[in-house]
Full PDB file with SEQRES, HELIX, SHEET, SSBOND, CRYST1, ORIGX, SCALE, CONECT and MASTER records, all heavy atoms in Angstrom:
SEQRES   1 A   37  SER TYR ASP LEU LEU VAL SER ASN SER ASP GLU TYR THR          
SEQRES   2 A   37  LEU LEU TRP LEU TYR GLY THR ILE GLY ILE PHE GLY SER          
SEQRES   3 A   37  LEU LEU ALA VAL LEU PHE ARG ASN VAL TYR LEU                  
HELIX    1 AA1 TYR A   12  LEU A   14  5                                   3    
HELIX    2 AA2 LEU A   15  TYR A   36  1                                  22    
CRYST1    1.000    1.000    1.000  90.00  90.00  90.00 P 1           1          
ORIGX1      1.000000  0.000000  0.000000        0.00000                         
ORIGX2      0.000000  1.000000  0.000000        0.00000                         
ORIGX3      0.000000  0.000000  1.000000        0.00000                         
SCALE1      1.000000  0.000000  0.000000        0.00000                         
SCALE2      0.000000  1.000000  0.000000        0.00000                         
SCALE3      0.000000  0.000000  1.000000        0.00000                         
ATOM      1  N   SER A   1     -17.474 -12.706   0.333  1.00  0.00           N  
ATOM      2  CA  SER A   1     -17.634 -12.091  -0.986  1.00  0.00           C  
ATOM      3  C   SER A   1     -17.321 -10.606  -0.866  1.00  0.00           C  
ATOM      4  O   SER A   1     -17.946  -9.898  -0.082  1.00  0.00           O  
ATOM      5  CB  SER A   1     -19.071 -12.298  -1.495  1.00  0.00           C  
ATOM      6  OG  SER A   1     -19.249 -11.686  -2.749  1.00  0.00           O  
ATOM      7  N   TYR A   2     -16.348 -10.147  -1.622  1.00  0.00           N  
ATOM      8  CA  TYR A   2     -15.899  -8.763  -1.508  1.00  0.00           C  
ATOM      9  C   TYR A   2     -16.539  -7.853  -2.561  1.00  0.00           C  
ATOM     10  O   TYR A   2     -16.724  -6.665  -2.317  1.00  0.00           O  
ATOM     11  CB  TYR A   2     -14.374  -8.698  -1.601  1.00  0.00           C  
ATOM     12  CG  TYR A   2     -13.683  -9.533  -0.546  1.00  0.00           C  
ATOM     13  CD1 TYR A   2     -13.205 -10.800  -0.830  1.00  0.00           C  
ATOM     14  CD2 TYR A   2     -13.540  -9.071   0.759  1.00  0.00           C  
ATOM     15  CE1 TYR A   2     -12.589 -11.586   0.135  1.00  0.00           C  
ATOM     16  CE2 TYR A   2     -12.937  -9.841   1.737  1.00  0.00           C  
ATOM     17  CZ  TYR A   2     -12.461 -11.097   1.418  1.00  0.00           C  
ATOM     18  OH  TYR A   2     -11.866 -11.877   2.386  1.00  0.00           O  
ATOM     19  N   ASP A   3     -16.864  -8.413  -3.735  1.00  0.00           N  
ATOM     20  CA  ASP A   3     -17.563  -7.657  -4.798  1.00  0.00           C  
ATOM     21  C   ASP A   3     -16.915  -6.295  -5.032  1.00  0.00           C  
ATOM     22  O   ASP A   3     -17.558  -5.248  -4.998  1.00  0.00           O  
ATOM     23  CB  ASP A   3     -19.043  -7.472  -4.435  1.00  0.00           C  
ATOM     24  CG  ASP A   3     -19.786  -8.790  -4.350  1.00  0.00           C  
ATOM     25  OD1 ASP A   3     -19.465  -9.689  -5.138  1.00  0.00           O  
ATOM     26  OD2 ASP A   3     -20.662  -8.917  -3.475  1.00  0.00           O  
ATOM     27  N   LEU A   4     -15.618  -6.293  -5.268  1.00  0.00           N  
ATOM     28  CA  LEU A   4     -14.894  -5.034  -5.432  1.00  0.00           C  
ATOM     29  C   LEU A   4     -15.005  -4.522  -6.862  1.00  0.00           C  
ATOM     30  O   LEU A   4     -14.959  -5.294  -7.821  1.00  0.00           O  
ATOM     31  CB  LEU A   4     -13.417  -5.229  -5.073  1.00  0.00           C  
ATOM     32  CG  LEU A   4     -13.127  -5.722  -3.657  1.00  0.00           C  
ATOM     33  CD1 LEU A   4     -11.626  -5.860  -3.451  1.00  0.00           C  
ATOM     34  CD2 LEU A   4     -13.716  -4.773  -2.626  1.00  0.00           C  
ATOM     35  N   LEU A   5     -15.143  -3.229  -6.984  1.00  0.00           N  
ATOM     36  CA  LEU A   5     -15.177  -2.568  -8.288  1.00  0.00           C  
ATOM     37  C   LEU A   5     -13.889  -1.776  -8.439  1.00  0.00           C  
ATOM     38  O   LEU A   5     -13.675  -0.775  -7.752  1.00  0.00           O  
ATOM     39  CB  LEU A   5     -16.398  -1.637  -8.402  1.00  0.00           C  
ATOM     40  CG  LEU A   5     -16.517  -0.848  -9.713  1.00  0.00           C  
ATOM     41  CD1 LEU A   5     -16.680  -1.806 -10.891  1.00  0.00           C  
ATOM     42  CD2 LEU A   5     -17.689   0.129  -9.653  1.00  0.00           C  
ATOM     43  N   VAL A   6     -13.019  -2.241  -9.315  1.00  0.00           N  
ATOM     44  CA  VAL A   6     -11.720  -1.606  -9.515  1.00  0.00           C  
ATOM     45  C   VAL A   6     -11.842  -0.530 -10.581  1.00  0.00           C  
ATOM     46  O   VAL A   6     -12.201  -0.813 -11.723  1.00  0.00           O  
ATOM     47  CB  VAL A   6     -10.652  -2.635  -9.926  1.00  0.00           C  
ATOM     48  CG1 VAL A   6      -9.304  -1.958 -10.133  1.00  0.00           C  
ATOM     49  CG2 VAL A   6     -10.553  -3.730  -8.883  1.00  0.00           C  
ATOM     50  N   SER A   7     -11.579   0.708 -10.211  1.00  0.00           N  
ATOM     51  CA  SER A   7     -11.637   1.827 -11.152  1.00  0.00           C  
ATOM     52  C   SER A   7     -10.312   2.567 -11.152  1.00  0.00           C  
ATOM     53  O   SER A   7      -9.515   2.444 -10.221  1.00  0.00           O  
ATOM     54  CB  SER A   7     -12.762   2.798 -10.754  1.00  0.00           C  
ATOM     55  OG  SER A   7     -12.514   3.367  -9.481  1.00  0.00           O  
ATOM     56  N   ASN A   8     -10.072   3.304 -12.214  1.00  0.00           N  
ATOM     57  CA  ASN A   8      -8.874   4.148 -12.328  1.00  0.00           C  
ATOM     58  C   ASN A   8      -7.587   3.333 -12.325  1.00  0.00           C  
ATOM     59  O   ASN A   8      -6.514   3.845 -11.992  1.00  0.00           O  
ATOM     60  CB  ASN A   8      -8.818   5.168 -11.180  1.00  0.00           C  
ATOM     61  CG  ASN A   8      -8.138   6.462 -11.583  1.00  0.00           C  
ATOM     62  OD1 ASN A   8      -8.282   6.895 -12.711  1.00  0.00           O  
ATOM     63  ND2 ASN A   8      -7.410   7.067 -10.669  1.00  0.00           N  
ATOM     64  N   SER A   9      -7.678   2.043 -12.676  1.00  0.00           N  
ATOM     65  CA  SER A   9      -6.485   1.191 -12.648  1.00  0.00           C  
ATOM     66  C   SER A   9      -5.512   1.524 -13.778  1.00  0.00           C  
ATOM     67  O   SER A   9      -4.348   1.135 -13.724  1.00  0.00           O  
ATOM     68  CB  SER A   9      -6.898  -0.285 -12.749  1.00  0.00           C  
ATOM     69  OG  SER A   9      -7.604  -0.518 -13.957  1.00  0.00           O  
ATOM     70  N   ASP A  10      -5.990   2.233 -14.821  1.00  0.00           N  
ATOM     71  CA  ASP A  10      -5.112   2.574 -15.942  1.00  0.00           C  
ATOM     72  C   ASP A  10      -4.495   3.963 -15.798  1.00  0.00           C  
ATOM     73  O   ASP A  10      -3.893   4.476 -16.733  1.00  0.00           O  
ATOM     74  CB  ASP A  10      -5.893   2.488 -17.258  1.00  0.00           C  
ATOM     75  CG  ASP A  10      -7.134   3.377 -17.264  1.00  0.00           C  
ATOM     76  OD1 ASP A  10      -7.511   3.860 -16.175  1.00  0.00           O  
ATOM     77  OD2 ASP A  10      -7.707   3.569 -18.348  1.00  0.00           O  
ATOM     78  N   GLU A  11      -4.647   4.577 -14.626  1.00  0.00           N  
ATOM     79  CA  GLU A  11      -4.064   5.897 -14.390  1.00  0.00           C  
ATOM     80  C   GLU A  11      -2.632   5.711 -13.888  1.00  0.00           C  
ATOM     81  O   GLU A  11      -2.357   5.713 -12.690  1.00  0.00           O  
ATOM     82  CB  GLU A  11      -4.906   6.665 -13.364  1.00  0.00           C  
ATOM     83  CG  GLU A  11      -4.464   8.108 -13.126  1.00  0.00           C  
ATOM     84  CD  GLU A  11      -4.363   8.907 -14.405  1.00  0.00           C  
ATOM     85  OE1 GLU A  11      -5.404   9.370 -14.902  1.00  0.00           O  
ATOM     86  OE2 GLU A  11      -3.232   9.050 -14.893  1.00  0.00           O  
ATOM     87  N   TYR A  12      -1.706   5.529 -14.845  1.00  0.00           N  
ATOM     88  CA  TYR A  12      -0.342   5.191 -14.476  1.00  0.00           C  
ATOM     89  C   TYR A  12       0.444   6.381 -13.922  1.00  0.00           C  
ATOM     90  O   TYR A  12       1.550   6.209 -13.408  1.00  0.00           O  
ATOM     91  CB  TYR A  12       0.387   4.583 -15.672  1.00  0.00           C  
ATOM     92  CG  TYR A  12      -0.233   3.284 -16.114  1.00  0.00           C  
ATOM     93  CD1 TYR A  12      -0.945   3.187 -17.304  1.00  0.00           C  
ATOM     94  CD2 TYR A  12      -0.134   2.148 -15.306  1.00  0.00           C  
ATOM     95  CE1 TYR A  12      -1.528   1.985 -17.690  1.00  0.00           C  
ATOM     96  CE2 TYR A  12      -0.713   0.948 -15.676  1.00  0.00           C  
ATOM     97  CZ  TYR A  12      -1.415   0.873 -16.874  1.00  0.00           C  
ATOM     98  OH  TYR A  12      -2.002  -0.305 -17.244  1.00  0.00           O  
ATOM     99  N   THR A  13      -0.089   7.580 -14.042  1.00  0.00           N  
ATOM    100  CA  THR A  13       0.585   8.733 -13.443  1.00  0.00           C  
ATOM    101  C   THR A  13       0.517   8.697 -11.919  1.00  0.00           C  
ATOM    102  O   THR A  13       1.223   9.454 -11.253  1.00  0.00           O  
ATOM    103  CB  THR A  13      -0.048  10.048 -13.944  1.00  0.00           C  
ATOM    104  OG1 THR A  13      -1.438  10.041 -13.614  1.00  0.00           O  
ATOM    105  CG2 THR A  13       0.119  10.187 -15.449  1.00  0.00           C  
ATOM    106  N   LEU A  14      -0.328   7.821 -11.356  1.00  0.00           N  
ATOM    107  CA  LEU A  14      -0.456   7.720  -9.908  1.00  0.00           C  
ATOM    108  C   LEU A  14       0.359   6.562  -9.321  1.00  0.00           C  
ATOM    109  O   LEU A  14       0.250   6.281  -8.127  1.00  0.00           O  
ATOM    110  CB  LEU A  14      -1.933   7.535  -9.523  1.00  0.00           C  
ATOM    111  CG  LEU A  14      -2.874   8.704  -9.823  1.00  0.00           C  
ATOM    112  CD1 LEU A  14      -4.301   8.353  -9.411  1.00  0.00           C  
ATOM    113  CD2 LEU A  14      -2.425   9.955  -9.079  1.00  0.00           C  
ATOM    114  N   LEU A  15       1.163   5.915 -10.161  1.00  0.00           N  
ATOM    115  CA  LEU A  15       1.919   4.774  -9.657  1.00  0.00           C  
ATOM    116  C   LEU A  15       2.881   5.179  -8.545  1.00  0.00           C  
ATOM    117  O   LEU A  15       3.180   4.385  -7.649  1.00  0.00           O  
ATOM    118  CB  LEU A  15       2.683   4.104 -10.800  1.00  0.00           C  
ATOM    119  CG  LEU A  15       1.837   3.325 -11.818  1.00  0.00           C  
ATOM    120  CD1 LEU A  15       2.721   2.685 -12.873  1.00  0.00           C  
ATOM    121  CD2 LEU A  15       0.988   2.269 -11.129  1.00  0.00           C  
ATOM    122  N   TRP A  16       3.372   6.418  -8.602  1.00  0.00           N  
ATOM    123  CA  TRP A  16       4.266   6.869  -7.538  1.00  0.00           C  
ATOM    124  C   TRP A  16       3.547   6.907  -6.191  1.00  0.00           C  
ATOM    125  O   TRP A  16       4.164   6.707  -5.143  1.00  0.00           O  
ATOM    126  CB  TRP A  16       4.823   8.265  -7.866  1.00  0.00           C  
ATOM    127  CG  TRP A  16       3.772   9.339  -7.867  1.00  0.00           C  
ATOM    128  CD1 TRP A  16       3.034   9.755  -8.921  1.00  0.00           C  
ATOM    129  CD2 TRP A  16       3.355  10.113  -6.744  1.00  0.00           C  
ATOM    130  NE1 TRP A  16       2.158  10.747  -8.539  1.00  0.00           N  
ATOM    131  CE2 TRP A  16       2.344  10.998  -7.202  1.00  0.00           C  
ATOM    132  CE3 TRP A  16       3.719  10.172  -5.405  1.00  0.00           C  
ATOM    133  CZ2 TRP A  16       1.704  11.897  -6.361  1.00  0.00           C  
ATOM    134  CZ3 TRP A  16       3.082  11.073  -4.571  1.00  0.00           C  
ATOM    135  CH2 TRP A  16       2.099  11.928  -5.057  1.00  0.00           C  
ATOM    136  N   LEU A  17       2.224   7.151  -6.233  1.00  0.00           N  
ATOM    137  CA  LEU A  17       1.442   7.149  -4.990  1.00  0.00           C  
ATOM    138  C   LEU A  17       1.436   5.758  -4.369  1.00  0.00           C  
ATOM    139  O   LEU A  17       1.591   5.610  -3.152  1.00  0.00           O  
ATOM    140  CB  LEU A  17       0.012   7.610  -5.271  1.00  0.00           C  
ATOM    141  CG  LEU A  17      -0.983   7.490  -4.112  1.00  0.00           C  
ATOM    142  CD1 LEU A  17      -0.546   8.341  -2.929  1.00  0.00           C  
ATOM    143  CD2 LEU A  17      -2.385   7.886  -4.564  1.00  0.00           C  
ATOM    144  N   TYR A  18       1.286   4.723  -5.209  1.00  0.00           N  
ATOM    145  CA  TYR A  18       1.279   3.358  -4.688  1.00  0.00           C  
ATOM    146  C   TYR A  18       2.671   2.971  -4.171  1.00  0.00           C  
ATOM    147  O   TYR A  18       2.788   2.206  -3.205  1.00  0.00           O  
ATOM    148  CB  TYR A  18       0.801   2.393  -5.772  1.00  0.00           C  
ATOM    149  CG  TYR A  18      -0.557   2.770  -6.308  1.00  0.00           C  
ATOM    150  CD1 TYR A  18      -0.725   3.134  -7.643  1.00  0.00           C  
ATOM    151  CD2 TYR A  18      -1.670   2.810  -5.478  1.00  0.00           C  
ATOM    152  CE1 TYR A  18      -1.968   3.507  -8.130  1.00  0.00           C  
ATOM    153  CE2 TYR A  18      -2.915   3.186  -5.952  1.00  0.00           C  
ATOM    154  CZ  TYR A  18      -3.059   3.541  -7.282  1.00  0.00           C  
ATOM    155  OH  TYR A  18      -4.284   3.925  -7.753  1.00  0.00           O  
ATOM    156  N   GLY A  19       3.720   3.510  -4.801  1.00  0.00           N  
ATOM    157  CA  GLY A  19       5.052   3.298  -4.280  1.00  0.00           C  
ATOM    158  C   GLY A  19       5.233   3.937  -2.910  1.00  0.00           C  
ATOM    159  O   GLY A  19       5.855   3.362  -2.006  1.00  0.00           O  
ATOM    160  N   THR A  20       4.661   5.133  -2.752  1.00  0.00           N  
ATOM    161  CA  THR A  20       4.711   5.812  -1.452  1.00  0.00           C  
ATOM    162  C   THR A  20       3.969   5.004  -0.397  1.00  0.00           C  
ATOM    163  O   THR A  20       4.440   4.861   0.745  1.00  0.00           O  
ATOM    164  CB  THR A  20       4.091   7.214  -1.564  1.00  0.00           C  
ATOM    165  OG1 THR A  20       4.789   7.967  -2.564  1.00  0.00           O  
ATOM    166  CG2 THR A  20       4.159   7.949  -0.237  1.00  0.00           C  
ATOM    167  N   ILE A  21       2.804   4.469  -0.768  1.00  0.00           N  
ATOM    168  CA  ILE A  21       2.045   3.624   0.159  1.00  0.00           C  
ATOM    169  C   ILE A  21       2.865   2.395   0.543  1.00  0.00           C  
ATOM    170  O   ILE A  21       2.873   1.962   1.705  1.00  0.00           O  
ATOM    171  CB  ILE A  21       0.702   3.207  -0.477  1.00  0.00           C  
ATOM    172  CG1 ILE A  21      -0.227   4.420  -0.605  1.00  0.00           C  
ATOM    173  CG2 ILE A  21       0.022   2.109   0.342  1.00  0.00           C  
ATOM    174  CD1 ILE A  21      -1.518   4.138  -1.341  1.00  0.00           C  
ATOM    175  N   GLY A  22       3.591   1.830  -0.431  1.00  0.00           N  
ATOM    176  CA  GLY A  22       4.423   0.663  -0.143  1.00  0.00           C  
ATOM    177  C   GLY A  22       5.531   0.969   0.841  1.00  0.00           C  
ATOM    178  O   GLY A  22       5.769   0.210   1.787  1.00  0.00           O  
ATOM    179  N   ILE A  23       6.216   2.085   0.650  1.00  0.00           N  
ATOM    180  CA  ILE A  23       7.303   2.465   1.558  1.00  0.00           C  
ATOM    181  C   ILE A  23       6.764   2.741   2.958  1.00  0.00           C  
ATOM    182  O   ILE A  23       7.298   2.257   3.965  1.00  0.00           O  
ATOM    183  CB  ILE A  23       8.048   3.702   1.011  1.00  0.00           C  
ATOM    184  CG1 ILE A  23       8.750   3.359  -0.306  1.00  0.00           C  
ATOM    185  CG2 ILE A  23       9.045   4.226   2.034  1.00  0.00           C  
ATOM    186  CD1 ILE A  23       9.344   4.558  -1.012  1.00  0.00           C  
ATOM    187  N   PHE A  24       5.691   3.528   3.011  1.00  0.00           N  
ATOM    188  CA  PHE A  24       5.112   3.882   4.304  1.00  0.00           C  
ATOM    189  C   PHE A  24       4.580   2.647   5.021  1.00  0.00           C  
ATOM    190  O   PHE A  24       4.791   2.468   6.231  1.00  0.00           O  
ATOM    191  CB  PHE A  24       3.998   4.911   4.100  1.00  0.00           C  
ATOM    192  CG  PHE A  24       3.494   5.516   5.375  1.00  0.00           C  
ATOM    193  CD1 PHE A  24       4.262   6.440   6.075  1.00  0.00           C  
ATOM    194  CD2 PHE A  24       2.250   5.170   5.884  1.00  0.00           C  
ATOM    195  CE1 PHE A  24       3.808   6.992   7.252  1.00  0.00           C  
ATOM    196  CE2 PHE A  24       1.784   5.727   7.067  1.00  0.00           C  
ATOM    197  CZ  PHE A  24       2.559   6.642   7.745  1.00  0.00           C  
ATOM    198  N   GLY A  25       3.888   1.780   4.270  1.00  0.00           N  
ATOM    199  CA  GLY A  25       3.352   0.557   4.875  1.00  0.00           C  
ATOM    200  C   GLY A  25       4.445  -0.355   5.392  1.00  0.00           C  
ATOM    201  O   GLY A  25       4.317  -0.966   6.455  1.00  0.00           O  
ATOM    202  N   SER A  26       5.560  -0.441   4.656  1.00  0.00           N  
ATOM    203  CA  SER A  26       6.666  -1.283   5.098  1.00  0.00           C  
ATOM    204  C   SER A  26       7.346  -0.724   6.342  1.00  0.00           C  
ATOM    205  O   SER A  26       7.732  -1.475   7.243  1.00  0.00           O  
ATOM    206  CB  SER A  26       7.687  -1.435   3.971  1.00  0.00           C  
ATOM    207  OG  SER A  26       8.692  -2.365   4.322  1.00  0.00           O  
ATOM    208  N   LEU A  27       7.491   0.594   6.413  1.00  0.00           N  
ATOM    209  CA  LEU A  27       8.069   1.215   7.609  1.00  0.00           C  
ATOM    210  C   LEU A  27       7.235   0.895   8.843  1.00  0.00           C  
ATOM    211  O   LEU A  27       7.767   0.545   9.901  1.00  0.00           O  
ATOM    212  CB  LEU A  27       8.173   2.728   7.420  1.00  0.00           C  
ATOM    213  CG  LEU A  27       9.220   3.223   6.420  1.00  0.00           C  
ATOM    214  CD1 LEU A  27       9.074   4.728   6.201  1.00  0.00           C  
ATOM    215  CD2 LEU A  27      10.625   2.901   6.903  1.00  0.00           C  
ATOM    216  N   LEU A  28       5.917   0.987   8.692  1.00  0.00           N  
ATOM    217  CA  LEU A  28       5.031   0.668   9.815  1.00  0.00           C  
ATOM    218  C   LEU A  28       5.108  -0.818  10.165  1.00  0.00           C  
ATOM    219  O   LEU A  28       5.092  -1.189  11.347  1.00  0.00           O  
ATOM    220  CB  LEU A  28       3.595   1.046   9.461  1.00  0.00           C  
ATOM    221  CG  LEU A  28       3.261   2.528   9.461  1.00  0.00           C  
ATOM    222  CD1 LEU A  28       1.887   2.758   8.835  1.00  0.00           C  
ATOM    223  CD2 LEU A  28       3.281   3.096  10.872  1.00  0.00           C  
ATOM    224  N   ALA A  29       5.192  -1.661   9.130  1.00  0.00           N  
ATOM    225  CA  ALA A  29       5.238  -3.104   9.366  1.00  0.00           C  
ATOM    226  C   ALA A  29       6.518  -3.506  10.097  1.00  0.00           C  
ATOM    227  O   ALA A  29       6.492  -4.343  11.010  1.00  0.00           O  
ATOM    228  CB  ALA A  29       5.135  -3.849   8.039  1.00  0.00           C  
ATOM    229  N   VAL A  30       7.647  -2.930   9.695  1.00  0.00           N  
ATOM    230  CA  VAL A  30       8.917  -3.232  10.372  1.00  0.00           C  
ATOM    231  C   VAL A  30       8.858  -2.759  11.819  1.00  0.00           C  
ATOM    232  O   VAL A  30       9.321  -3.456  12.736  1.00  0.00           O  
ATOM    233  CB  VAL A  30      10.084  -2.570   9.618  1.00  0.00           C  
ATOM    234  CG1 VAL A  30      11.372  -2.679  10.432  1.00  0.00           C  
ATOM    235  CG2 VAL A  30      10.265  -3.217   8.251  1.00  0.00           C  
ATOM    236  N   LEU A  31       8.300  -1.574  12.036  1.00  0.00           N  
ATOM    237  CA  LEU A  31       8.133  -1.079  13.408  1.00  0.00           C  
ATOM    238  C   LEU A  31       7.249  -2.021  14.216  1.00  0.00           C  
ATOM    239  O   LEU A  31       7.576  -2.380  15.366  1.00  0.00           O  
ATOM    240  CB  LEU A  31       7.519   0.321  13.377  1.00  0.00           C  
ATOM    241  CG  LEU A  31       7.141   0.931  14.734  1.00  0.00           C  
ATOM    242  CD1 LEU A  31       8.390   1.183  15.572  1.00  0.00           C  
ATOM    243  CD2 LEU A  31       6.344   2.225  14.550  1.00  0.00           C  
ATOM    244  N   PHE A  32       6.137  -2.444  13.634  1.00  0.00           N  
ATOM    245  CA  PHE A  32       5.200  -3.348  14.300  1.00  0.00           C  
ATOM    246  C   PHE A  32       5.898  -4.653  14.682  1.00  0.00           C  
ATOM    247  O   PHE A  32       5.810  -5.116  15.826  1.00  0.00           O  
ATOM    248  CB  PHE A  32       4.013  -3.626  13.370  1.00  0.00           C  
ATOM    249  CG  PHE A  32       2.918  -4.442  13.989  1.00  0.00           C  
ATOM    250  CD1 PHE A  32       1.830  -3.823  14.578  1.00  0.00           C  
ATOM    251  CD2 PHE A  32       2.951  -5.832  13.960  1.00  0.00           C  
ATOM    252  CE1 PHE A  32       0.800  -4.570  15.144  1.00  0.00           C  
ATOM    253  CE2 PHE A  32       1.935  -6.589  14.521  1.00  0.00           C  
ATOM    254  CZ  PHE A  32       0.853  -5.945  15.115  1.00  0.00           C  
ATOM    255  N   ARG A  33       6.617  -5.230  13.743  1.00  0.00           N  
ATOM    256  CA  ARG A  33       7.253  -6.525  13.996  1.00  0.00           C  
ATOM    257  C   ARG A  33       8.341  -6.421  15.059  1.00  0.00           C  
ATOM    258  O   ARG A  33       8.420  -7.254  15.975  1.00  0.00           O  
ATOM    259  CB  ARG A  33       7.842  -7.078  12.695  1.00  0.00           C  
ATOM    260  CG  ARG A  33       8.543  -8.422  12.892  1.00  0.00           C  
ATOM    261  CD  ARG A  33       9.103  -8.970  11.606  1.00  0.00           C  
ATOM    262  NE  ARG A  33       9.842 -10.192  11.869  1.00  0.00           N  
ATOM    263  CZ  ARG A  33       9.316 -11.394  11.998  1.00  0.00           C  
ATOM    264  NH1 ARG A  33       8.016 -11.541  11.886  1.00  0.00           N  
ATOM    265  NH2 ARG A  33      10.060 -12.452  12.224  1.00  0.00           N  
ATOM    266  N   ASN A  34       9.197  -5.404  14.951  1.00  0.00           N  
ATOM    267  CA  ASN A  34      10.310  -5.281  15.900  1.00  0.00           C  
ATOM    268  C   ASN A  34       9.825  -5.012  17.321  1.00  0.00           C  
ATOM    269  O   ASN A  34      10.321  -5.605  18.285  1.00  0.00           O  
ATOM    270  CB  ASN A  34      11.261  -4.177  15.447  1.00  0.00           C  
ATOM    271  CG  ASN A  34      12.052  -4.566  14.207  1.00  0.00           C  
ATOM    272  OD1 ASN A  34      12.213  -5.748  13.909  1.00  0.00           O  
ATOM    273  ND2 ASN A  34      12.536  -3.580  13.474  1.00  0.00           N  
ATOM    274  N   VAL A  35       8.858  -4.108  17.458  1.00  0.00           N  
ATOM    275  CA  VAL A  35       8.320  -3.816  18.790  1.00  0.00           C  
ATOM    276  C   VAL A  35       7.580  -5.037  19.331  1.00  0.00           C  
ATOM    277  O   VAL A  35       7.674  -5.369  20.519  1.00  0.00           O  
ATOM    278  CB  VAL A  35       7.386  -2.587  18.749  1.00  0.00           C  
ATOM    279  CG1 VAL A  35       6.737  -2.353  20.112  1.00  0.00           C  
ATOM    280  CG2 VAL A  35       8.171  -1.349  18.334  1.00  0.00           C  
ATOM    281  N   TYR A  36       6.859  -5.726  18.451  1.00  0.00           N  
ATOM    282  CA  TYR A  36       6.131  -6.938  18.834  1.00  0.00           C  
ATOM    283  C   TYR A  36       7.082  -7.975  19.430  1.00  0.00           C  
ATOM    284  O   TYR A  36       6.842  -8.522  20.516  1.00  0.00           O  
ATOM    285  CB  TYR A  36       5.415  -7.497  17.604  1.00  0.00           C  
ATOM    286  CG  TYR A  36       4.680  -8.790  17.834  1.00  0.00           C  
ATOM    287  CD1 TYR A  36       3.304  -8.790  18.029  1.00  0.00           C  
ATOM    288  CD2 TYR A  36       5.342 -10.013  17.848  1.00  0.00           C  
ATOM    289  CE1 TYR A  36       2.622  -9.981  18.239  1.00  0.00           C  
ATOM    290  CE2 TYR A  36       4.676 -11.191  18.052  1.00  0.00           C  
ATOM    291  CZ  TYR A  36       3.311 -11.180  18.246  1.00  0.00           C  
ATOM    292  OH  TYR A  36       2.644 -12.355  18.459  1.00  0.00           O  
ATOM    293  N   LEU A  37       8.163  -8.271  18.715  1.00  0.00           N  
ATOM    294  CA  LEU A  37       9.101  -9.287  19.178  1.00  0.00           C  
ATOM    295  C   LEU A  37       9.817  -8.846  20.451  1.00  0.00           C  
ATOM    296  O   LEU A  37      10.122  -9.672  21.326  1.00  0.00           O  
ATOM    297  CB  LEU A  37      10.114  -9.603  18.080  1.00  0.00           C  
ATOM    298  CG  LEU A  37       9.536 -10.257  16.819  1.00  0.00           C  
ATOM    299  CD1 LEU A  37      10.607 -10.450  15.774  1.00  0.00           C  
ATOM    300  CD2 LEU A  37       8.855 -11.583  17.143  1.00  0.00           C  
TER     301      LEU A  37                                                      
MASTER        0    0    0    2    0    0    0    6  300    1    0    3          
END                                                                             
């Protein structure tokens, strides 16, 4: 049970931040996978 409280979800001016997290997370994931293999 995670019981998460989602707040500030309607703050669309921060969507670029989530895009940045996506790019950064994917770069790390590709690095992780390639080095792993």
